[in-house]
């Protein structure tokens, strides 16, 4: 039979599909406590994870390479080949979105752009 989505999954699905007003919170911030714990466990250097360390973590999701490549492109907002905490959180969020059966956006909607990175997407 069909399983119903959890409230969290349902809410997340709506947020990806319909977007949010720019003045609302960064959606990913709701999940950052778990992403931050994972980020710290991976041993960031100067507040960033190297591409190799981030990739090793991301491939554990077992998502196809093309999906992971798009997630990386969307998440590495400053294009430095590394992920800071916000970028890593965004990548983890997008991985979860894809694992739940949703499409990864071609471009980040404003509600998925970390507040400190708004200037990198203009």
PDB file of N, CA and C in Angstrom:
ATOM      1  N   UNK A   1       0.838  -1.185   0.000  1.00  0.00           N
ATOM      2  CA  UNK A   1       0.000   0.000   0.000  1.00  0.00           C
ATOM      3  C   UNK A   1       0.884   1.250   0.000  1.00  0.00           C
ATOM      4  N   UNK A   2       0.236   2.383  -0.118  1.00  0.00           N
ATOM      5  CA  UNK A   2       0.949   3.644  -0.146  1.00  0.00           C
ATOM      6  C   UNK A   2       1.204   4.119   1.275  1.00  0.00           C
ATOM      7  N   UNK A   3       2.404   4.628   1.495  1.00  0.00           N
ATOM      8  CA  UNK A   3       2.696   5.189   2.810  1.00  0.00           C
ATOM      9  C   UNK A   3       2.499   6.694   2.731  1.00  0.00           C
ATOM     10  N   UNK A   4       2.030   7.253   3.797  1.00  0.00           N
ATOM     11  CA  UNK A   4       1.825   8.700   3.810  1.00  0.00           C
ATOM     12  C   UNK A   4       3.124   9.393   4.186  1.00  0.00           C
ATOM     13  N   UNK A   5       3.286  10.616   3.702  1.00  0.00           N
ATOM     14  CA  UNK A   5       4.463  11.398   4.028  1.00  0.00           C
ATOM     15  C   UNK A   5       4.371  11.904   5.457  1.00  0.00           C
ATOM     16  N   UNK A   6       5.518  11.987   6.112  1.00  0.00           N
ATOM     17  CA  UNK A   6       5.531  12.588   7.435  1.00  0.00           C
ATOM     18  C   UNK A   6       5.199  14.075   7.282  1.00  0.00           C
ATOM     19  N   UNK A   7       4.845  14.711   8.372  1.00  0.00           N
ATOM     20  CA  UNK A   7       4.553  16.148   8.321  1.00  0.00           C
ATOM     21  C   UNK A   7       5.761  16.919   7.821  1.00  0.00           C
ATOM     22  N   UNK A   8       6.964  16.521   8.268  1.00  0.00           N
ATOM     23  CA  UNK A   8       8.196  17.176   7.860  1.00  0.00           C
ATOM     24  C   UNK A   8       8.388  17.067   6.357  1.00  0.00           C
ATOM     25  N   UNK A   9       8.199  15.857   5.799  1.00  0.00           N
ATOM     26  CA  UNK A   9       8.370  15.643   4.367  1.00  0.00           C
ATOM     27  C   UNK A   9       7.339  16.426   3.576  1.00  0.00           C
ATOM     28  N   UNK A  10       6.121  16.418   4.016  1.00  0.00           N
ATOM     29  CA  UNK A  10       5.056  17.129   3.328  1.00  0.00           C
ATOM     30  C   UNK A  10       5.347  18.630   3.304  1.00  0.00           C
ATOM     31  N   UNK A  11       5.752  19.167   4.445  1.00  0.00           N
ATOM     32  CA  UNK A  11       6.073  20.586   4.533  1.00  0.00           C
ATOM     33  C   UNK A  11       7.237  20.919   3.613  1.00  0.00           C
ATOM     34  N   UNK A  12       8.262  20.075   3.617  1.00  0.00           N
ATOM     35  CA  UNK A  12       9.446  20.302   2.801  1.00  0.00           C
ATOM     36  C   UNK A  12       9.068  20.252   1.320  1.00  0.00           C
ATOM     37  N   UNK A  13       8.218  19.315   0.924  1.00  0.00           N
ATOM     38  CA  UNK A  13       7.793  19.212  -0.467  1.00  0.00           C
ATOM     39  C   UNK A  13       7.108  20.497  -0.916  1.00  0.00           C
ATOM     40  N   UNK A  14       6.238  21.023  -0.107  1.00  0.00           N
ATOM     41  CA  UNK A  14       5.527  22.248  -0.459  1.00  0.00           C
ATOM     42  C   UNK A  14       6.506  23.405  -0.591  1.00  0.00           C
ATOM     43  N   UNK A  15       7.501  23.458   0.281  1.00  0.00           N
ATOM     44  CA  UNK A  15       8.450  24.559   0.248  1.00  0.00           C
ATOM     45  C   UNK A  15       9.311  24.510  -1.000  1.00  0.00           C
ATOM     46  N   UNK A  16       9.666  23.336  -1.462  1.00  0.00           N
ATOM     47  CA  UNK A  16      10.471  23.221  -2.673  1.00  0.00           C
ATOM     48  C   UNK A  16       9.643  23.605  -3.886  1.00  0.00           C
ATOM     49  N   UNK A  17       8.434  23.106  -3.969  1.00  0.00           N
ATOM     50  CA  UNK A  17       7.594  23.349  -5.138  1.00  0.00           C
ATOM     51  C   UNK A  17       7.126  24.791  -5.246  1.00  0.00           C
ATOM     52  N   UNK A  18       6.668  25.350  -4.185  1.00  0.00           N
ATOM     53  CA  UNK A  18       5.999  26.633  -4.275  1.00  0.00           C
ATOM     54  C   UNK A  18       6.868  27.830  -3.925  1.00  0.00           C
ATOM     55  N   UNK A  19       8.048  27.598  -3.385  1.00  0.00           N
ATOM     56  CA  UNK A  19       8.923  28.706  -3.042  1.00  0.00           C
ATOM     57  C   UNK A  19       8.413  29.471  -1.838  1.00  0.00           C
ATOM     58  N   UNK A  20       9.172  30.465  -1.492  1.00  0.00           N
ATOM     59  CA  UNK A  20       8.848  31.275  -0.330  1.00  0.00           C
ATOM     60  C   UNK A  20       9.114  32.739  -0.627  1.00  0.00           C
ATOM     61  N   UNK A  21       8.501  33.572   0.154  1.00  0.00           N
ATOM     62  CA  UNK A  21       8.731  35.001   0.096  1.00  0.00           C
ATOM     63  C   UNK A  21      10.141  35.282   0.599  1.00  0.00           C
ATOM     64  N   UNK A  22      10.855  36.217  -0.022  1.00  0.00           N
ATOM     65  CA  UNK A  22      12.232  36.541   0.366  1.00  0.00           C
ATOM     66  C   UNK A  22      12.350  36.943   1.824  1.00  0.00           C
ATOM     67  N   UNK A  23      11.298  37.460   2.409  1.00  0.00           N
ATOM     68  CA  UNK A  23      11.376  37.957   3.772  1.00  0.00           C
ATOM     69  C   UNK A  23      11.184  36.858   4.799  1.00  0.00           C
ATOM     70  N   UNK A  24      10.910  35.660   4.357  1.00  0.00           N
ATOM     71  CA  UNK A  24      10.744  34.559   5.279  1.00  0.00           C
ATOM     72  C   UNK A  24      12.088  33.924   5.579  1.00  0.00           C
ATOM     73  N   UNK A  25      12.095  33.069   6.580  1.00  0.00           N
ATOM     74  CA  UNK A  25      13.327  32.439   7.014  1.00  0.00           C
ATOM     75  C   UNK A  25      13.937  31.536   5.946  1.00  0.00           C
ATOM     76  N   UNK A  26      15.239  31.290   6.104  1.00  0.00           N
ATOM     77  CA  UNK A  26      15.927  30.320   5.264  1.00  0.00           C
ATOM     78  C   UNK A  26      15.414  28.954   5.705  1.00  0.00           C
ATOM     79  N   UNK A  27      14.739  28.250   4.824  1.00  0.00           N
ATOM     80  CA  UNK A  27      14.070  26.994   5.144  1.00  0.00           C
ATOM     81  C   UNK A  27      15.021  25.980   5.750  1.00  0.00           C
ATOM     82  N   UNK A  28      16.232  25.929   5.260  1.00  0.00           N
ATOM     83  CA  UNK A  28      17.210  24.934   5.717  1.00  0.00           C
ATOM     84  C   UNK A  28      17.565  25.134   7.189  1.00  0.00           C
ATOM     85  N   UNK A  29      17.413  26.345   7.695  1.00  0.00           N
ATOM     86  CA  UNK A  29      17.784  26.619   9.096  1.00  0.00           C
ATOM     87  C   UNK A  29      17.021  25.737  10.079  1.00  0.00           C
ATOM     88  N   UNK A  30      15.857  25.267   9.690  1.00  0.00           N
ATOM     89  CA  UNK A  30      15.067  24.392  10.558  1.00  0.00           C
ATOM     90  C   UNK A  30      15.756  23.060  10.832  1.00  0.00           C
ATOM     91  N   UNK A  31      16.664  22.671   9.944  1.00  0.00           N
ATOM     92  CA  UNK A  31      17.319  21.362  10.027  1.00  0.00           C
ATOM     93  C   UNK A  31      18.814  21.475  10.338  1.00  0.00           C
ATOM     94  N   UNK A  32      19.295  22.693  10.553  1.00  0.00           N
ATOM     95  CA  UNK A  32      20.731  22.909  10.674  1.00  0.00           C
ATOM     96  C   UNK A  32      21.373  22.255  11.891  1.00  0.00           C
ATOM     97  N   UNK A  33      20.648  22.018  12.959  1.00  0.00           N
ATOM     98  CA  UNK A  33      21.298  21.406  14.125  1.00  0.00           C
ATOM     99  C   UNK A  33      21.839  20.022  13.775  1.00  0.00           C
ATOM    100  N   UNK A  34      21.082  19.231  13.022  1.00  0.00           N
ATOM    101  CA  UNK A  34      21.589  17.904  12.646  1.00  0.00           C
ATOM    102  C   UNK A  34      22.673  18.020  11.582  1.00  0.00           C
ATOM    103  N   UNK A  35      22.543  18.977  10.659  1.00  0.00           N
ATOM    104  CA  UNK A  35      23.566  19.148   9.634  1.00  0.00           C
ATOM    105  C   UNK A  35      24.869  19.666  10.251  1.00  0.00           C
ATOM    106  N   UNK A  36      24.762  20.521  11.246  1.00  0.00           N
ATOM    107  CA  UNK A  36      25.953  21.063  11.898  1.00  0.00           C
ATOM    108  C   UNK A  36      26.719  19.970  12.636  1.00  0.00           C
ATOM    109  N   UNK A  37      26.011  19.077  13.293  1.00  0.00           N
ATOM    110  CA  UNK A  37      26.675  17.972  13.991  1.00  0.00           C
ATOM    111  C   UNK A  37      27.446  17.106  12.992  1.00  0.00           C
ATOM    112  N   UNK A  38      26.832  16.818  11.860  1.00  0.00           N
ATOM    113  CA  UNK A  38      27.493  16.022  10.831  1.00  0.00           C
ATOM    114  C   UNK A  38      28.691  16.776  10.259  1.00  0.00           C
ATOM    115  N   UNK A  39      28.510  18.039   9.967  1.00  0.00           N
ATOM    116  CA  UNK A  39      29.587  18.889   9.442  1.00  0.00           C
ATOM    117  C   UNK A  39      30.796  18.847  10.377  1.00  0.00           C
ATOM    118  N   UNK A  40      30.557  19.065  11.657  1.00  0.00           N
ATOM    119  CA  UNK A  40      31.647  19.078  12.629  1.00  0.00           C
ATOM    120  C   UNK A  40      32.328  17.721  12.756  1.00  0.00           C
ATOM    121  N   UNK A  41      31.553  16.648  12.612  1.00  0.00           N
ATOM    122  CA  UNK A  41      32.133  15.307  12.709  1.00  0.00           C
ATOM    123  C   UNK A  41      33.054  14.985  11.530  1.00  0.00           C
ATOM    124  N   UNK A  42      32.917  15.732  10.430  1.00  0.00           N
ATOM    125  CA  UNK A  42      33.732  15.500   9.235  1.00  0.00           C
ATOM    126  C   UNK A  42      35.055  16.265   9.263  1.00  0.00           C
ATOM    127  N   UNK A  43      35.284  17.039  10.327  1.00  0.00           N
ATOM    128  CA  UNK A  43      36.569  17.703  10.515  1.00  0.00           C
ATOM    129  C   UNK A  43      36.843  18.888   9.619  1.00  0.00           C
ATOM    130  N   UNK A  44      35.984  19.889   9.642  1.00  0.00           N
ATOM    131  CA  UNK A  44      36.252  21.072   8.817  1.00  0.00           C
ATOM    132  C   UNK A  44      37.560  21.753   9.221  1.00  0.00           C
ATOM    133  N   UNK A  45      38.206  22.362   8.237  1.00  0.00           N
ATOM    134  CA  UNK A  45      39.430  23.128   8.464  1.00  0.00           C
ATOM    135  C   UNK A  45      39.124  24.576   8.128  1.00  0.00           C
ATOM    136  N   UNK A  46      39.370  25.452   9.080  1.00  0.00           N
ATOM    137  CA  UNK A  46      39.051  26.876   8.904  1.00  0.00           C
ATOM    138  C   UNK A  46      37.599  27.082   8.503  1.00  0.00           C
ATOM    139  N   UNK A  47      36.700  26.253   9.068  1.00  0.00           N
ATOM    140  CA  UNK A  47      35.266  26.413   8.846  1.00  0.00           C
ATOM    141  C   UNK A  47      34.756  25.864   7.521  1.00  0.00           C
ATOM    142  N   UNK A  48      35.589  25.073   6.825  1.00  0.00           N
ATOM    143  CA  UNK A  48      35.153  24.532   5.529  1.00  0.00           C
ATOM    144  C   UNK A  48      35.562  23.076   5.395  1.00  0.00           C
ATOM    145  N   UNK A  49      34.756  22.340   4.627  1.00  0.00           N
ATOM    146  CA  UNK A  49      35.091  20.971   4.260  1.00  0.00           C
ATOM    147  C   UNK A  49      35.691  20.985   2.863  1.00  0.00           C
ATOM    148  N   UNK A  50      36.769  20.247   2.678  1.00  0.00           N
ATOM    149  CA  UNK A  50      37.350  20.142   1.339  1.00  0.00           C
ATOM    150  C   UNK A  50      36.359  19.433   0.422  1.00  0.00           C
ATOM    151  N   UNK A  51      36.546  19.617  -0.866  1.00  0.00           N
ATOM    152  CA  UNK A  51      35.689  18.942  -1.832  1.00  0.00           C
ATOM    153  C   UNK A  51      35.746  17.429  -1.674  1.00  0.00           C
ATOM    154  N   UNK A  52      36.934  16.897  -1.391  1.00  0.00           N
ATOM    155  CA  UNK A  52      37.091  15.444  -1.249  1.00  0.00           C
ATOM    156  C   UNK A  52      36.313  14.910  -0.052  1.00  0.00           C
ATOM    157  N   UNK A  53      36.377  15.625   1.064  1.00  0.00           N
ATOM    158  CA  UNK A  53      35.659  15.182   2.271  1.00  0.00           C
ATOM    159  C   UNK A  53      34.155  15.288   2.056  1.00  0.00           C
ATOM    160  N   UNK A  54      33.706  16.391   1.485  1.00  0.00           N
ATOM    161  CA  UNK A  54      32.272  16.574   1.231  1.00  0.00           C
ATOM    162  C   UNK A  54      31.763  15.518   0.250  1.00  0.00           C
ATOM    163  N   UNK A  55      32.540  15.264  -0.801  1.00  0.00           N
ATOM    164  CA  UNK A  55      32.133  14.265  -1.802  1.00  0.00           C
ATOM    165  C   UNK A  55      31.994  12.886  -1.162  1.00  0.00           C
ATOM    166  N   UNK A  56      32.970  12.522  -0.334  1.00  0.00           N
ATOM    167  CA  UNK A  56      32.927  11.214   0.334  1.00  0.00           C
ATOM    168  C   UNK A  56      31.640  11.061   1.139  1.00  0.00           C
ATOM    169  N   UNK A  57      31.230  12.128   1.799  1.00  0.00           N
ATOM    170  CA  UNK A  57      29.983  12.099   2.563  1.00  0.00           C
ATOM    171  C   UNK A  57      28.767  12.040   1.641  1.00  0.00           C
ATOM    172  N   UNK A  58      28.773  12.837   0.593  1.00  0.00           N
ATOM    173  CA  UNK A  58      27.617  12.927  -0.300  1.00  0.00           C
ATOM    174  C   UNK A  58      27.352  11.622  -1.048  1.00  0.00           C
ATOM    175  N   UNK A  59      28.403  10.908  -1.459  1.00  0.00           N
ATOM    176  CA  UNK A  59      28.193   9.674  -2.218  1.00  0.00           C
ATOM    177  C   UNK A  59      27.563   8.580  -1.359  1.00  0.00           C
ATOM    178  N   UNK A  60      27.645   8.722  -0.051  1.00  0.00           N
ATOM    179  CA  UNK A  60      27.001   7.749   0.835  1.00  0.00           C
ATOM    180  C   UNK A  60      25.485   7.751   0.675  1.00  0.00           C
ATOM    181  N   UNK A  61      24.948   8.814   0.092  1.00  0.00           N
ATOM    182  CA  UNK A  61      23.501   8.898  -0.151  1.00  0.00           C
ATOM    183  C   UNK A  61      23.060   7.916  -1.232  1.00  0.00           C
ATOM    184  N   UNK A  62      24.015   7.466  -2.051  1.00  0.00           N
ATOM    185  CA  UNK A  62      23.759   6.563  -3.174  1.00  0.00           C
ATOM    186  C   UNK A  62      22.914   7.198  -4.286  1.00  0.00           C
ATOM    187  N   UNK A  63      22.874   8.515  -4.305  1.00  0.00           N
ATOM    188  CA  UNK A  63      22.193   9.203  -5.402  1.00  0.00           C
ATOM    189  C   UNK A  63      23.061   9.103  -6.654  1.00  0.00           C
ATOM    190  N   UNK A  64      22.445   9.183  -7.832  1.00  0.00           N
ATOM    191  CA  UNK A  64      23.220   9.148  -9.074  1.00  0.00           C
ATOM    192  C   UNK A  64      24.204  10.317  -9.147  1.00  0.00           C
ATOM    193  N   UNK A  65      25.286  10.099  -9.877  1.00  0.00           N
ATOM    194  CA  UNK A  65      26.325  11.131 -10.020  1.00  0.00           C
ATOM    195  C   UNK A  65      25.774  12.455 -10.530  1.00  0.00           C
ATOM    196  N   UNK A  66      24.853  12.388 -11.507  1.00  0.00           N
ATOM    197  CA  UNK A  66      24.329  13.638 -12.070  1.00  0.00           C
ATOM    198  C   UNK A  66      23.543  14.427 -11.021  1.00  0.00           C
ATOM    199  N   UNK A  67      22.833  13.737 -10.144  1.00  0.00           N
ATOM    200  CA  UNK A  67      22.095  14.423  -9.070  1.00  0.00           C
ATOM    201  C   UNK A  67      23.075  15.050  -8.083  1.00  0.00           C
ATOM    202  N   UNK A  68      24.116  14.303  -7.722  1.00  0.00           N
ATOM    203  CA  UNK A  68      25.111  14.835  -6.790  1.00  0.00           C
ATOM    204  C   UNK A  68      25.876  16.004  -7.404  1.00  0.00           C
ATOM    205  N   UNK A  69      26.139  15.939  -8.692  1.00  0.00           N
ATOM    206  CA  UNK A  69      26.822  17.050  -9.361  1.00  0.00           C
ATOM    207  C   UNK A  69      25.969  18.314  -9.321  1.00  0.00           C
ATOM    208  N   UNK A  70      24.667  18.168  -9.562  1.00  0.00           N
ATOM    209  CA  UNK A  70      23.788  19.344  -9.510  1.00  0.00           C
ATOM    210  C   UNK A  70      23.709  19.884  -8.087  1.00  0.00           C
ATOM    211  N   UNK A  71      23.610  18.988  -7.106  1.00  0.00           N
ATOM    212  CA  UNK A  71      23.567  19.420  -5.702  1.00  0.00           C
ATOM    213  C   UNK A  71      24.841  20.187  -5.359  1.00  0.00           C
ATOM    214  N   UNK A  72      25.989  19.676  -5.791  1.00  0.00           N
ATOM    215  CA  UNK A  72      27.256  20.379  -5.526  1.00  0.00           C
ATOM    216  C   UNK A  72      27.234  21.768  -6.167  1.00  0.00           C
ATOM    217  N   UNK A  73      26.829  21.835  -7.426  1.00  0.00           N
ATOM    218  CA  UNK A  73      26.801  23.114  -8.141  1.00  0.00           C
ATOM    219  C   UNK A  73      25.894  24.119  -7.445  1.00  0.00           C
ATOM    220  N   UNK A  74      24.747  23.668  -6.986  1.00  0.00           N
ATOM    221  CA  UNK A  74      23.811  24.561  -6.297  1.00  0.00           C
ATOM    222  C   UNK A  74      24.306  24.960  -4.911  1.00  0.00           C
ATOM    223  N   UNK A  75      25.047  24.079  -4.258  1.00  0.00           N
ATOM    224  CA  UNK A  75      25.450  24.299  -2.869  1.00  0.00           C
ATOM    225  C   UNK A  75      26.740  25.090  -2.713  1.00  0.00           C
ATOM    226  N   UNK A  76      27.684  24.914  -3.615  1.00  0.00           N
ATOM    227  CA  UNK A  76      28.962  25.631  -3.527  1.00  0.00           C
ATOM    228  C   UNK A  76      28.765  27.033  -4.104  1.00  0.00           C
ATOM    229  N   UNK A  77      28.050  27.828  -3.354  1.00  0.00           N
ATOM    230  CA  UNK A  77      27.615  29.139  -3.849  1.00  0.00           C
ATOM    231  C   UNK A  77      28.762  30.095  -4.134  1.00  0.00           C
ATOM    232  N   UNK A  78      29.842  30.020  -3.361  1.00  0.00           N
ATOM    233  CA  UNK A  78      30.964  30.923  -3.616  1.00  0.00           C
ATOM    234  C   UNK A  78      31.995  30.314  -4.577  1.00  0.00           C
ATOM    235  N   UNK A  79      31.693  29.114  -5.084  1.00  0.00           N
ATOM    236  CA  UNK A  79      32.491  28.441  -6.115  1.00  0.00           C
ATOM    237  C   UNK A  79      33.968  28.309  -5.745  1.00  0.00           C
ATOM    238  N   UNK A  80      34.238  27.986  -4.457  1.00  0.00           N
ATOM    239  CA  UNK A  80      35.626  27.821  -4.020  1.00  0.00           C
ATOM    240  C   UNK A  80      36.058  26.361  -3.923  1.00  0.00           C
ATOM    241  N   UNK A  81      35.171  25.439  -4.316  1.00  0.00           N
ATOM    242  CA  UNK A  81      35.520  24.022  -4.282  1.00  0.00           C
ATOM    243  C   UNK A  81      35.449  23.396  -2.903  1.00  0.00           C
ATOM    244  N   UNK A  82      34.940  24.150  -1.932  1.00  0.00           N
ATOM    245  CA  UNK A  82      34.769  23.673  -0.564  1.00  0.00           C
ATOM    246  C   UNK A  82      33.367  24.055  -0.094  1.00  0.00           C
ATOM    247  N   UNK A  83      32.935  23.440   1.002  1.00  0.00           N
ATOM    248  CA  UNK A  83      31.626  23.778   1.559  1.00  0.00           C
ATOM    249  C   UNK A  83      31.778  24.284   2.981  1.00  0.00           C
ATOM    250  N   UNK A  84      31.236  25.477   3.241  1.00  0.00           N
ATOM    251  CA  UNK A  84      31.166  25.942   4.621  1.00  0.00           C
ATOM    252  C   UNK A  84      29.907  25.334   5.244  1.00  0.00           C
ATOM    253  N   UNK A  85      29.630  25.670   6.477  1.00  0.00           N
ATOM    254  CA  UNK A  85      28.501  25.057   7.176  1.00  0.00           C
ATOM    255  C   UNK A  85      27.178  25.285   6.462  1.00  0.00           C
ATOM    256  N   UNK A  86      26.902  26.504   6.038  1.00  0.00           N
ATOM    257  CA  UNK A  86      25.633  26.774   5.353  1.00  0.00           C
ATOM    258  C   UNK A  86      25.546  26.034   4.024  1.00  0.00           C
ATOM    259  N   UNK A  87      26.627  26.032   3.269  1.00  0.00           N
ATOM    260  CA  UNK A  87      26.626  25.330   1.988  1.00  0.00           C
ATOM    261  C   UNK A  87      26.451  23.825   2.198  1.00  0.00           C
ATOM    262  N   UNK A  88      27.114  23.293   3.211  1.00  0.00           N
ATOM    263  CA  UNK A  88      26.974  21.876   3.532  1.00  0.00           C
ATOM    264  C   UNK A  88      25.540  21.561   3.950  1.00  0.00           C
ATOM    265  N   UNK A  89      24.957  22.420   4.775  1.00  0.00           N
ATOM    266  CA  UNK A  89      23.564  22.230   5.182  1.00  0.00           C
ATOM    267  C   UNK A  89      22.633  22.235   3.992  1.00  0.00           C
ATOM    268  N   UNK A  90      22.870  23.147   3.065  1.00  0.00           N
ATOM    269  CA  UNK A  90      22.064  23.206   1.848  1.00  0.00           C
ATOM    270  C   UNK A  90      22.223  21.916   1.047  1.00  0.00           C
ATOM    271  N   UNK A  91      23.453  21.440   0.905  1.00  0.00           N
ATOM    272  CA  UNK A  91      23.691  20.196   0.166  1.00  0.00           C
ATOM    273  C   UNK A  91      22.957  19.028   0.822  1.00  0.00           C
ATOM    274  N   UNK A  92      23.031  18.928   2.131  1.00  0.00           N
ATOM    275  CA  UNK A  92      22.354  17.844   2.842  1.00  0.00           C
ATOM    276  C   UNK A  92      20.839  17.939   2.661  1.00  0.00           C
ATOM    277  N   UNK A  93      20.320  19.146   2.725  1.00  0.00           N
ATOM    278  CA  UNK A  93      18.886  19.363   2.523  1.00  0.00           C
ATOM    279  C   UNK A  93      18.464  18.912   1.124  1.00  0.00           C
ATOM    280  N   UNK A  94      19.240  19.298   0.110  1.00  0.00           N
ATOM    281  CA  UNK A  94      18.917  18.914  -1.265  1.00  0.00           C
ATOM    282  C   UNK A  94      19.027  17.398  -1.458  1.00  0.00           C
ATOM    283  N   UNK A  95      19.983  16.776  -0.792  1.00  0.00           N
ATOM    284  CA  UNK A  95      20.094  15.317  -0.847  1.00  0.00           C
ATOM    285  C   UNK A  95      18.833  14.690  -0.274  1.00  0.00           C
ATOM    286  N   UNK A  96      18.384  15.187   0.864  1.00  0.00           N
ATOM    287  CA  UNK A  96      17.165  14.648   1.473  1.00  0.00           C
ATOM    288  C   UNK A  96      15.951  14.850   0.563  1.00  0.00           C
ATOM    289  N   UNK A  97      15.871  16.013  -0.059  1.00  0.00           N
ATOM    290  CA  UNK A  97      14.770  16.301  -0.992  1.00  0.00           C
ATOM    291  C   UNK A  97      14.742  15.249  -2.098  1.00  0.00           C
ATOM    292  N   UNK A  98      15.909  14.990  -2.672  1.00  0.00           N
ATOM    293  CA  UNK A  98      15.999  14.021  -3.770  1.00  0.00           C
ATOM    294  C   UNK A  98      15.683  12.609  -3.278  1.00  0.00           C
ATOM    295  N   UNK A  99      16.179  12.238  -2.110  1.00  0.00           N
ATOM    296  CA  UNK A  99      15.909  10.907  -1.557  1.00  0.00           C
ATOM    297  C   UNK A  99      14.422  10.699  -1.274  1.00  0.00           C
ATOM    298  N   UNK A 100      13.699  11.793  -1.038  1.00  0.00           N
ATOM    299  CA  UNK A 100      12.256  11.715  -0.797  1.00  0.00           C
ATOM    300  C   UNK A 100      11.471  11.650  -2.104  1.00  0.00           C
ATOM    301  N   UNK A 101      12.181  11.653  -3.245  1.00  0.00           N
ATOM    302  CA  UNK A 101      11.513  11.507  -4.537  1.00  0.00           C
ATOM    303  C   UNK A 101      11.215  12.807  -5.248  1.00  0.00           C
ATOM    304  N   UNK A 102      11.700  13.911  -4.729  1.00  0.00           N
ATOM    305  CA  UNK A 102      11.463  15.212  -5.362  1.00  0.00           C
ATOM    306  C   UNK A 102      12.585  15.554  -6.325  1.00  0.00           C
ATOM    307  N   UNK A 103      12.299  16.427  -7.256  1.00  0.00           N
ATOM    308  CA  UNK A 103      13.310  16.899  -8.182  1.00  0.00           C
ATOM    309  C   UNK A 103      14.177  17.949  -7.510  1.00  0.00           C
ATOM    310  N   UNK A 104      15.407  18.006  -7.930  1.00  0.00           N
ATOM    311  CA  UNK A 104      16.317  19.049  -7.470  1.00  0.00           C
ATOM    312  C   UNK A 104      16.108  20.238  -8.401  1.00  0.00           C
ATOM    313  N   UNK A 105      15.967  21.441  -7.861  1.00  0.00           N
ATOM    314  CA  UNK A 105      15.732  22.592  -8.746  1.00  0.00           C
ATOM    315  C   UNK A 105      16.932  22.852  -9.657  1.00  0.00           C
ATOM    316  N   UNK A 106      16.682  23.431 -10.800  1.00  0.00           N
ATOM    317  CA  UNK A 106      17.774  23.809 -11.712  1.00  0.00           C
ATOM    318  C   UNK A 106      18.515  25.032 -11.168  1.00  0.00           C
ATOM    319  N   UNK A 107      17.767  25.913 -10.539  1.00  0.00           N
ATOM    320  CA  UNK A 107      18.329  27.090  -9.873  1.00  0.00           C
ATOM    321  C   UNK A 107      17.733  27.151  -8.483  1.00  0.00           C
ATOM    322  N   UNK A 108      18.492  27.712  -7.534  1.00  0.00           N
ATOM    323  CA  UNK A 108      17.978  27.794  -6.171  1.00  0.00           C
ATOM    324  C   UNK A 108      16.902  28.865  -6.052  1.00  0.00           C
ATOM    325  N   UNK A 109      15.724  28.483  -5.540  1.00  0.00           N
ATOM    326  CA  UNK A 109      14.735  29.505  -5.224  1.00  0.00           C
ATOM    327  C   UNK A 109      15.244  30.320  -4.031  1.00  0.00           C
ATOM    328  N   UNK A 110      14.769  31.517  -3.884  1.00  0.00           N
ATOM    329  CA  UNK A 110      15.295  32.426  -2.858  1.00  0.00           C
ATOM    330  C   UNK A 110      15.208  31.850  -1.451  1.00  0.00           C
ATOM    331  N   UNK A 111      14.193  31.034  -1.163  1.00  0.00           N
ATOM    332  CA  UNK A 111      14.053  30.499   0.197  1.00  0.00           C
ATOM    333  C   UNK A 111      15.073  29.415   0.511  1.00  0.00           C
ATOM    334  N   UNK A 112      15.857  28.976  -0.484  1.00  0.00           N
ATOM    335  CA  UNK A 112      16.909  27.992  -0.241  1.00  0.00           C
ATOM    336  C   UNK A 112      18.308  28.614  -0.214  1.00  0.00           C
ATOM    337  N   UNK A 113      18.407  29.895  -0.509  1.00  0.00           N
ATOM    338  CA  UNK A 113      19.708  30.569  -0.498  1.00  0.00           C
ATOM    339  C   UNK A 113      20.005  31.043   0.924  1.00  0.00           C
ATOM    340  N   UNK A 114      21.139  30.606   1.483  1.00  0.00           N
ATOM    341  CA  UNK A 114      21.487  31.064   2.835  1.00  0.00           C
ATOM    342  C   UNK A 114      21.581  32.586   2.872  1.00  0.00           C
ATOM    343  N   UNK A 115      21.109  33.209   3.934  1.00  0.00           N
ATOM    344  CA  UNK A 115      21.132  34.681   4.012  1.00  0.00           C
ATOM    345  C   UNK A 115      22.522  35.269   3.768  1.00  0.00           C
ATOM    346  N   UNK A 116      23.563  34.614   4.262  1.00  0.00           N
ATOM    347  CA  UNK A 116      24.916  35.153   4.089  1.00  0.00           C
ATOM    348  C   UNK A 116      25.440  34.986   2.666  1.00  0.00           C
ATOM    349  N   UNK A 117      24.705  34.270   1.825  1.00  0.00           N
ATOM    350  CA  UNK A 117      25.167  34.011   0.460  1.00  0.00           C
ATOM    351  C   UNK A 117      24.264  34.653  -0.603  1.00  0.00           C
ATOM    352  N   UNK A 118      23.346  35.499  -0.206  1.00  0.00           N
ATOM    353  CA  UNK A 118      22.429  36.111  -1.176  1.00  0.00           C
ATOM    354  C   UNK A 118      23.169  36.811  -2.311  1.00  0.00           C
ATOM    355  N   UNK A 119      24.279  37.457  -2.039  1.00  0.00           N
ATOM    356  CA  UNK A 119      25.025  38.179  -3.050  1.00  0.00           C
ATOM    357  C   UNK A 119      25.704  37.292  -4.076  1.00  0.00           C
ATOM    358  N   UNK A 120      25.915  36.015  -3.747  1.00  0.00           N
ATOM    359  CA  UNK A 120      26.613  35.108  -4.662  1.00  0.00           C
ATOM    360  C   UNK A 120      25.723  34.619  -5.799  1.00  0.00           C
ATOM    361  N   UNK A 121      24.432  34.819  -5.682  1.00  0.00           N
ATOM    362  CA  UNK A 121      23.518  34.275  -6.696  1.00  0.00           C
ATOM    363  C   UNK A 121      22.965  35.337  -7.622  1.00  0.00           C
ATOM    364  N   UNK A 122      23.303  36.576  -7.398  1.00  0.00           N
ATOM    365  CA  UNK A 122      22.771  37.657  -8.256  1.00  0.00           C
ATOM    366  C   UNK A 122      23.494  37.739  -9.561  1.00  0.00           C
TER     367      UNK A 122
END
